[in-house]
Amino acid sequence: YIFEWLLAFVAVVLSMRVSPQIWFRVGGLSGATSVCAAAYGAHEFDPDDESLEKTFHNGKNLHMIHSVMITMAPLTRRPHLVGSLFTAGTGIFSGSCYAKALTGEGKYGQFAPIGGTTLILAWLSLIF
């Protein structure tokens, strides 16, 4: 189901008649939310299970790094492809890490590999 959603998301974004500059805004919003996550992780998040803290910080770190890449999408040859893959991958990967860390439910971790694979595809999209 998640792959169908991902393909639909990318298809919609690629068909949009929107300026590539939109990715500056998406990246800025993503970056701002990653800083909020960092602040929450540093000051409020204190789980009993150390692995949940590690999961949260892993999600936050990749969220921050890839927010920069979303912002750089307008500078690429295929800005909508690059921007949509980095956005979807970041949302799925970091979102699953945040959900698992905040709820303690391992079922959310199953989506991280999908997000990670999407991020790999995003990086590879830079070479085409």
Protein backbone atom coordinates (compact mmCIF):
# COMPACT_ATOMS: atom_id res chain seq x y z
CA TYR A 1 0.00 0.00 0.00
CA ILE A 2 2.75 2.45 0.90
CA PHE A 3 4.52 1.90 -2.44
CA GLU A 4 1.29 2.72 -4.30
CA TRP A 5 0.96 5.91 -2.26
CA LEU A 6 4.59 6.81 -2.93
CA LEU A 7 4.27 6.28 -6.68
CA ALA A 8 1.05 8.30 -6.75
CA PHE A 9 2.72 11.14 -4.81
CA VAL A 10 5.68 11.28 -7.19
CA ALA A 11 3.39 11.11 -10.24
CA VAL A 12 1.25 13.98 -8.98
CA VAL A 13 4.27 16.13 -8.18
CA LEU A 14 5.85 15.44 -11.57
CA SER A 15 2.64 16.45 -13.34
CA MET A 16 2.30 19.73 -11.45
CA ARG A 17 2.74 22.99 -13.28
CA VAL A 18 4.44 24.61 -10.33
CA SER A 19 7.68 26.52 -10.24
CA PRO A 20 10.65 24.48 -9.04
CA GLN A 21 11.11 27.24 -6.46
CA ILE A 22 8.39 25.54 -4.38
CA TRP A 23 11.09 23.20 -3.07
CA PHE A 24 12.78 26.10 -1.28
CA ARG A 25 9.59 26.49 0.74
CA VAL A 26 9.09 22.78 1.31
CA GLY A 27 12.72 22.45 2.40
CA GLY A 28 12.42 25.46 4.69
CA LEU A 29 9.34 24.00 6.35
CA SER A 30 11.02 20.62 6.67
CA GLY A 31 14.14 22.22 8.14
CA ALA A 32 12.12 24.22 10.65
CA THR A 33 10.26 21.11 11.80
CA SER A 34 13.55 19.24 12.14
CA VAL A 35 14.82 21.96 14.47
CA CYS A 36 11.59 21.64 16.50
CA ALA A 37 12.19 17.89 16.69
CA ALA A 38 15.77 18.52 17.82
CA ALA A 39 14.60 20.88 20.55
CA TYR A 40 11.98 18.40 21.72
CA GLY A 41 14.53 15.59 21.68
CA ALA A 42 17.05 17.62 23.66
CA HIS A 43 14.72 19.07 26.27
CA GLU A 44 11.59 16.97 26.65
CA PHE A 45 12.02 13.49 25.22
CA ASP A 46 13.26 11.14 27.94
CA PRO A 47 12.17 7.56 27.33
CA ASP A 48 13.04 4.73 29.70
CA ASP A 49 14.25 2.63 26.78
CA GLU A 50 17.55 3.94 25.42
CA SER A 51 16.90 2.38 22.00
CA LEU A 52 13.86 4.64 21.57
CA GLU A 53 16.03 7.69 22.18
CA LYS A 54 18.49 6.44 19.56
CA THR A 55 15.63 5.87 17.12
CA PHE A 56 14.31 9.40 17.68
CA HIS A 57 17.72 10.98 17.13
CA ASN A 58 18.36 8.89 14.01
CA GLY A 59 15.08 10.16 12.55
CA LYS A 60 15.90 13.73 13.54
CA ASN A 61 19.40 13.63 12.06
CA LEU A 62 18.24 12.31 8.70
CA HIS A 63 15.35 14.80 8.77
CA MET A 64 17.81 17.69 9.10
CA ILE A 65 20.26 16.46 6.46
CA HIS A 66 17.60 15.75 3.89
CA SER A 67 15.80 19.04 4.53
CA VAL A 68 18.87 20.69 3.06
CA MET A 69 18.63 18.43 0.03
CA ILE A 70 14.96 19.31 -0.47
CA THR A 71 15.97 22.97 -0.47
CA MET A 72 18.60 22.24 -3.13
CA ALA A 73 16.12 20.54 -5.50
CA PRO A 74 15.52 23.69 -7.64
CA LEU A 75 19.20 23.64 -8.58
CA THR A 76 18.99 20.18 -10.16
CA ARG A 77 18.04 19.09 -13.68
CA ARG A 78 14.83 17.42 -12.46
CA PRO A 79 13.74 19.52 -9.50
CA HIS A 80 10.29 17.98 -9.05
CA LEU A 81 11.60 14.42 -9.16
CA VAL A 82 14.44 15.19 -6.76
CA GLY A 83 12.26 17.26 -4.43
CA SER A 84 9.43 14.75 -4.30
CA LEU A 85 11.73 11.79 -3.64
CA PHE A 86 13.64 13.59 -0.88
CA THR A 87 10.39 14.85 0.66
CA ALA A 88 8.65 11.48 0.58
CA GLY A 89 11.73 9.60 1.78
CA THR A 90 12.33 12.02 4.63
CA GLY A 91 8.70 11.97 5.68
CA ILE A 92 8.43 8.20 5.63
CA PHE A 93 11.80 7.45 7.22
CA SER A 94 11.85 10.15 9.89
CA GLY A 95 8.12 9.87 10.47
CA SER A 96 8.41 6.17 11.20
CA CYS A 97 11.34 6.81 13.56
CA TYR A 98 9.42 9.53 15.40
CA ALA A 99 6.28 7.39 15.64
CA LYS A 100 8.17 4.38 16.97
CA ALA A 101 10.15 6.46 19.46
CA LEU A 102 7.17 8.43 20.76
CA THR A 103 4.74 5.51 21.04
CA GLY A 104 7.14 2.65 21.80
CA GLU A 105 5.28 0.61 19.16
CA GLY A 106 7.66 -1.37 16.99
CA LYS A 107 5.10 -1.68 14.20
CA TYR A 108 5.94 1.83 12.99
CA GLY A 109 9.55 0.85 12.38
CA GLN A 110 8.49 -1.31 9.45
CA PHE A 111 8.17 1.80 7.29
CA ALA A 112 11.76 2.99 7.81
CA PRO A 113 13.21 0.73 5.09
CA ILE A 114 10.69 2.12 2.59
CA GLY A 115 11.72 5.67 3.50
CA GLY A 116 15.38 4.71 3.36
CA THR A 117 14.98 3.15 -0.06
CA THR A 118 13.19 6.27 -1.27
CA LEU A 119 16.06 8.40 0.03
CA ILE A 120 18.53 6.21 -1.85
CA LEU A 121 16.47 6.72 -5.01
CA ALA A 122 16.48 10.48 -4.30
CA TRP A 123 20.27 10.53 -4.13
CA LEU A 124 20.51 8.45 -7.31
CA SER A 125 18.12 10.86 -9.07
CA LEU A 126 20.86 13.49 -8.82
CA ILE A 127 23.04 11.61 -11.31
CA PHE A 128 20.44 11.38 -14.12
